Amino acid sequence: MAIITISRQLGSLGSEIAKSLKEELGYNFLDKELLEEELVNKYGIKQEKVKQYDEKKPAFWDMFYTDKDRYLYFLKTTMYEFAHKGHCVIMGRGGQVLFQDIPGSLHVRIIAPLKARFERIMEIYNGNKEIAEQVLQHCDHDRAGFHKFFFHANWEDPGLYDLTVNTRLLTVEAAAQIIKDAINASGIAGQQPEHNTQLTDLCLSQEVYTRIVYTEKVPIRFLNVVTNNCEVILRGGMNTEDDINKCEEIAANVTGVKKVENELHHIPTAYSRI
């Protein structure tokens, strides 16, 4: 199973290349529009919050609110579940970080010299140099801030990518061909989805956490869900012994979970008020 993540500079033709790969390979395609639809309609994230955080660093005061945590959590859930369905191209949104150690993934960065990017953006804005310059500056700053804040990663770190393609002299078709050659050379397209147990475990961890925290709304002090070969370990603190038992029951009833190891502990009420 091939998971292709595309990170792109604005004006690098990255979006066009990602769409070309989707069409030529017949892969599932996760872009901004589909991701936003999932976050809003499936997980109830307010549309204004999605637009506020999407590939942007939260404003200072936003850092103190839980909206950003909920956004990141369901962003990860959506991307993991989408990738678990099979061959896919995922555009932006920190995919190169989230799938860094996942078997079958290829992380591609699309770049271009500033001059080439500037000229391409100017064409979009009918030759308006001031707007093109502002858009480029803001976009680069926002995407760098998004990765640093949500993933503690340097967007430009070459170690995050398996392949970097400079489109200064390349057409969309030529760049897409380079990526297709890399997919074939790596052999990732021939890997079977069922062999990707790591991705399965990530999806299960997300589902267990969602059921406990967001569906059943069990009051927790903190919760960490770790899954290994479909066996779940629950760690954290709860208000009561009943809550501890309820979490274990919820986790055990999630489809795909084979076993639950309950390492949750009771935090006394007096301590929780300190």
Protein backbone atom coordinates (compact mmCIF):
# COMPACT_ATOMS: atom_id res chain seq x y z
CA MET A 1 0.00 0.00 0.00
CA ALA A 2 1.44 3.37 -1.03
CA ILE A 3 0.88 6.51 1.01
CA ILE A 4 2.24 9.52 -0.86
CA THR A 5 2.47 12.76 1.12
CA ILE A 6 3.03 15.97 -0.79
CA SER A 7 4.46 19.03 0.93
CA ARG A 8 4.63 22.02 -1.35
CA GLN A 9 5.74 25.61 -1.46
CA LEU A 10 3.16 28.00 -2.85
CA GLY A 11 3.89 28.53 -6.52
CA SER A 12 5.90 25.32 -6.83
CA LEU A 13 3.15 23.53 -8.82
CA GLY A 14 2.81 21.11 -5.90
CA SER A 15 -0.98 21.10 -5.90
CA GLU A 16 -1.11 20.48 -9.63
CA ILE A 17 1.42 17.65 -9.34
CA ALA A 18 -0.55 16.01 -6.52
CA LYS A 19 -3.74 16.11 -8.58
CA SER A 20 -1.90 14.72 -11.59
CA LEU A 21 -0.65 11.79 -9.49
CA LYS A 22 -4.16 11.14 -8.27
CA GLU A 23 -5.49 10.96 -11.83
CA GLU A 24 -2.65 8.92 -13.31
CA LEU A 25 -2.32 6.44 -10.45
CA GLY A 26 -6.02 6.23 -9.58
CA TYR A 27 -5.20 6.76 -5.90
CA ASN A 28 -7.52 8.18 -3.28
CA PHE A 29 -6.85 11.88 -2.81
CA LEU A 30 -7.06 13.90 0.40
CA ASP A 31 -6.89 17.64 -0.14
CA LYS A 32 -8.07 20.69 1.76
CA GLU A 33 -11.68 20.44 0.60
CA LEU A 34 -12.20 16.79 1.53
CA LEU A 35 -10.39 17.18 4.84
CA GLU A 36 -12.49 20.18 5.75
CA GLU A 37 -15.67 18.32 4.85
CA GLU A 38 -14.68 15.41 7.14
CA LEU A 39 -13.74 17.66 10.06
CA VAL A 40 -16.91 19.72 9.84
CA ASN A 41 -19.53 17.10 8.97
CA LYS A 42 -18.18 13.97 10.64
CA TYR A 43 -16.44 15.36 13.72
CA GLY A 44 -18.31 18.59 14.31
CA ILE A 45 -15.35 20.97 14.13
CA LYS A 46 -16.68 24.45 13.41
CA GLN A 47 -15.87 25.58 9.91
CA GLU A 48 -14.38 28.85 11.12
CA LYS A 49 -12.01 26.89 13.38
CA VAL A 50 -10.89 24.69 10.49
CA LYS A 51 -10.11 27.76 8.39
CA GLN A 52 -8.43 29.41 11.37
CA TYR A 53 -5.99 26.54 11.97
CA ASP A 54 -5.59 24.98 8.52
CA GLU A 55 -1.86 25.20 7.72
CA LYS A 56 -1.55 28.22 9.98
CA LYS A 57 0.03 28.82 13.37
CA PRO A 58 -2.67 29.64 15.96
CA ALA A 59 -2.77 33.20 17.22
CA PHE A 60 -1.33 33.82 20.69
CA TRP A 61 -4.64 33.70 22.57
CA ASP A 62 -5.76 30.57 20.69
CA MET A 63 -2.95 28.66 22.37
CA PHE A 64 -4.88 28.76 25.66
CA TYR A 65 -8.06 27.19 24.27
CA THR A 66 -8.93 23.54 23.68
CA ASP A 67 -10.27 24.14 20.16
CA LYS A 68 -6.79 23.73 18.73
CA ASP A 69 -6.32 20.39 20.52
CA ARG A 70 -9.64 19.09 19.22
CA TYR A 71 -8.75 20.26 15.70
CA LEU A 72 -5.36 18.51 15.76
CA TYR A 73 -6.79 15.32 17.22
CA PHE A 74 -9.46 14.92 14.54
CA LEU A 75 -7.07 16.08 11.82
CA LYS A 76 -4.85 13.11 12.73
CA THR A 77 -7.85 10.78 12.98
CA THR A 78 -9.10 11.77 9.52
CA MET A 79 -5.70 11.37 7.90
CA TYR A 80 -4.97 7.99 9.52
CA GLU A 81 -8.38 6.59 8.59
CA PHE A 82 -8.10 7.89 5.04
CA ALA A 83 -4.67 6.30 4.56
CA HIS A 84 -5.90 3.03 6.03
CA LYS A 85 -8.35 2.63 3.14
CA GLY A 86 -5.54 2.00 0.64
CA HIS A 87 -3.34 3.71 -1.93
CA CYS A 88 -3.56 7.47 -1.47
CA VAL A 89 -2.07 10.89 -2.10
CA ILE A 90 -2.25 13.24 0.88
CA MET A 91 -1.59 16.91 0.24
CA GLY A 92 -0.09 19.01 3.02
CA ARG A 93 -1.41 19.16 6.61
CA GLY A 94 1.73 17.66 8.14
CA GLY A 95 1.42 14.32 6.38
CA GLN A 96 5.19 13.97 6.13
CA VAL A 97 5.34 14.09 9.95
CA LEU A 98 2.27 12.01 10.80
CA PHE A 99 3.30 9.17 8.47
CA GLN A 100 7.06 9.49 8.95
CA ASP A 101 7.56 5.96 10.28
CA ILE A 102 4.64 4.25 8.57
CA PRO A 103 5.60 1.42 6.17
CA GLY A 104 4.65 2.06 2.57
CA SER A 105 4.87 5.85 2.78
CA LEU A 106 6.80 8.14 0.45
CA HIS A 107 7.28 11.75 1.52
CA VAL A 108 7.75 14.27 -1.28
CA ARG A 109 8.55 17.96 -1.08
CA ILE A 110 7.88 20.18 -4.09
CA ILE A 111 9.94 23.37 -4.25
CA ALA A 112 10.93 26.08 -6.73
CA PRO A 113 13.17 29.17 -6.65
CA LEU A 114 11.51 32.26 -5.23
CA LYS A 115 11.66 34.01 -8.61
CA ALA A 116 9.79 31.20 -10.36
CA ARG A 117 7.20 31.00 -7.60
CA PHE A 118 6.71 34.76 -7.65
CA GLU A 119 6.14 34.78 -11.41
CA ARG A 120 3.59 31.97 -11.18
CA ILE A 121 1.68 33.69 -8.41
CA MET A 122 1.70 36.97 -10.33
CA GLU A 123 -0.06 35.25 -13.19
CA ILE A 124 -2.86 34.25 -10.82
CA TYR A 125 -3.23 37.85 -9.59
CA ASN A 126 -3.05 39.43 -13.06
CA GLY A 127 0.46 40.75 -12.66
CA ASN A 128 -0.08 42.48 -9.32
CA LYS A 129 3.41 42.36 -7.75
CA GLU A 130 2.40 43.63 -4.32
CA ILE A 131 -0.33 41.05 -3.80
CA ALA A 132 1.87 38.21 -5.11
CA GLU A 133 4.67 39.20 -2.73
CA GLN A 134 2.34 39.41 0.27
CA VAL A 135 0.67 36.08 -0.52
CA LEU A 136 4.02 34.30 -0.80
CA GLN A 137 5.38 35.74 2.42
CA HIS A 138 2.24 34.95 4.42
CA CYS A 139 1.88 31.44 3.02
CA ASP A 140 5.49 30.44 3.74
CA HIS A 141 5.26 31.92 7.24
CA ASP A 142 1.92 30.24 7.97
CA ARG A 143 2.96 26.79 6.82
CA ALA A 144 6.22 26.95 8.75
CA GLY A 145 4.33 28.07 11.86
CA PHE A 146 1.70 25.34 11.45
CA HIS A 147 4.32 22.59 11.40
CA LYS A 148 6.30 24.06 14.27
CA PHE A 149 3.29 24.57 16.54
CA PHE A 150 1.27 21.42 15.88
CA PHE A 151 4.06 18.95 15.13
CA HIS A 152 7.19 20.54 16.62
CA ALA A 153 8.81 20.09 13.23
CA ASN A 154 10.84 22.25 10.88
CA TRP A 155 8.88 22.31 7.64
CA GLU A 156 12.11 22.68 5.64
CA ASP A 157 14.01 19.86 7.35
CA PRO A 158 15.26 17.64 4.47
CA GLY A 159 15.23 14.65 6.79
CA LEU A 160 11.41 14.66 6.69
CA TYR A 161 11.38 13.86 2.97
CA ASP A 162 12.38 10.93 0.80
CA LEU A 163 12.33 12.99 -2.37
CA THR A 164 12.58 16.72 -3.12
CA VAL A 165 11.58 17.91 -6.58
CA ASN A 166 12.56 21.36 -7.85
CA THR A 167 10.14 22.49 -10.58
CA ARG A 168 12.20 25.39 -11.92
CA LEU A 169 12.70 23.54 -15.20
CA LEU A 170 10.06 20.84 -14.86
CA THR A 171 6.49 20.63 -16.06
CA VAL A 172 3.75 19.13 -13.92
CA GLU A 173 3.89 15.97 -16.03
CA ALA A 174 7.67 15.62 -15.74
CA ALA A 175 7.62 16.12 -11.96
CA ALA A 176 4.78 13.61 -11.56
CA GLN A 177 6.77 11.08 -13.60
CA ILE A 178 9.76 11.45 -11.25
CA ILE A 179 7.52 10.68 -8.29
CA LYS A 180 5.94 7.71 -10.05
CA ASP A 181 9.42 6.35 -10.77
CA ALA A 182 10.26 6.69 -7.07
CA ILE A 183 7.07 4.82 -6.13
CA ASN A 184 7.97 1.99 -8.48
CA ALA A 185 11.61 1.89 -7.39
CA SER A 186 10.68 1.74 -3.70
CA GLY A 187 8.22 -1.11 -4.18
CA ILE A 188 5.72 0.43 -1.78
CA ALA A 189 2.80 0.11 -4.20
CA GLY A 190 3.03 -3.67 -4.00
CA GLN A 191 2.74 -3.85 -0.22
CA GLN A 192 -0.56 -5.25 1.02
CA PRO A 193 -2.75 -3.00 3.26
CA GLU A 194 -3.28 -5.76 5.81
CA HIS A 195 0.46 -5.88 6.47
CA ASN A 196 0.49 -2.30 7.72
CA THR A 197 -0.22 -3.15 11.35
CA GLN A 198 1.32 0.10 12.55
CA LEU A 199 -1.30 2.17 10.73
CA THR A 200 -4.04 -0.16 11.97
CA ASP A 201 -2.82 0.36 15.53
CA LEU A 202 -2.82 4.15 15.10
CA CYS A 203 -6.41 4.08 13.84
CA LEU A 204 -7.48 1.90 16.76
CA SER A 205 -5.80 4.20 19.29
CA GLN A 206 -7.62 7.18 17.81
CA GLU A 207 -10.97 5.33 17.84
CA VAL A 208 -10.60 4.21 21.47
CA TYR A 209 -9.68 7.73 22.57
CA THR A 210 -12.60 9.19 20.59
CA ARG A 211 -15.10 6.80 22.18
CA ILE A 212 -13.88 7.52 25.72
CA VAL A 213 -13.34 11.26 25.55
CA TYR A 214 -15.65 12.59 22.84
CA THR A 215 -18.47 10.03 22.52
CA GLU A 216 -18.98 8.79 26.07
CA LYS A 217 -17.42 11.92 27.60
CA VAL A 218 -15.83 10.07 30.50
CA PRO A 219 -14.25 12.65 32.85
CA ILE A 220 -10.49 12.17 32.73
CA ARG A 221 -7.44 13.88 34.19
CA PHE A 222 -5.30 12.65 31.33
CA LEU A 223 -5.47 9.69 28.97
CA ASN A 224 -2.91 7.96 26.79
CA VAL A 225 -3.96 5.13 24.48
CA VAL A 226 -1.24 2.89 23.08
CA THR A 227 -2.00 0.04 20.68
CA ASN A 228 0.33 -2.74 19.60
CA ASN A 229 -0.90 -5.48 17.28
CA CYS A 230 -4.48 -4.52 18.13
CA GLU A 231 -3.85 -4.88 21.87
CA VAL A 232 -4.67 -1.65 23.71
CA ILE A 233 -2.97 -0.21 26.78
CA LEU A 234 -4.82 2.52 28.68
CA ARG A 235 -2.75 4.89 30.79
CA GLY A 236 -3.81 7.97 32.69
CA GLY A 237 -5.80 9.24 35.63
CA MET A 238 -9.51 9.08 36.41
CA ASN A 239 -11.81 10.61 39.00
CA THR A 240 -13.34 7.34 40.20
CA GLU A 241 -12.88 3.60 40.06
CA ASP A 242 -16.13 3.40 38.09
CA ASP A 243 -14.64 5.65 35.42
CA ILE A 244 -11.59 3.38 35.20
CA ASN A 245 -13.77 0.33 34.65
CA LYS A 246 -15.95 2.18 32.15
CA CYS A 247 -12.94 3.15 30.05
CA GLU A 248 -11.80 -0.46 29.91
CA GLU A 249 -15.27 -1.59 28.86
CA ILE A 250 -15.50 1.06 26.15
CA ALA A 251 -12.08 0.14 24.74
CA ALA A 252 -12.90 -3.58 24.72
CA ASN A 253 -16.03 -2.93 22.65
CA VAL A 254 -14.20 -1.09 19.87
CA THR A 255 -14.18 -3.23 16.74
CA GLY A 256 -10.72 -4.63 16.08
CA VAL A 257 -9.44 -4.47 19.65
CA LYS A 258 -8.19 -7.90 20.73
CA LYS A 259 -7.18 -7.18 24.30
CA VAL A 260 -7.19 -4.28 26.79
CA GLU A 261 -4.55 -3.74 29.44
CA ASN A 262 -5.85 -1.26 31.99
CA GLU A 263 -3.10 0.84 33.59
CA LEU A 264 -5.40 3.71 34.54
CA HIS A 265 -5.23 4.89 38.12
CA HIS A 266 -7.55 6.74 40.43
CA ILE A 267 -6.61 10.32 41.32
CA PRO A 268 -8.22 11.26 44.65
CA THR A 269 -10.60 14.21 44.53
CA ALA A 270 -8.62 16.17 47.07
CA TYR A 271 -5.50 15.87 44.94
CA SER A 272 -7.33 16.85 41.75
CA ARG A 273 -8.32 20.20 43.30
CA ILE A 274 -4.77 21.23 44.10
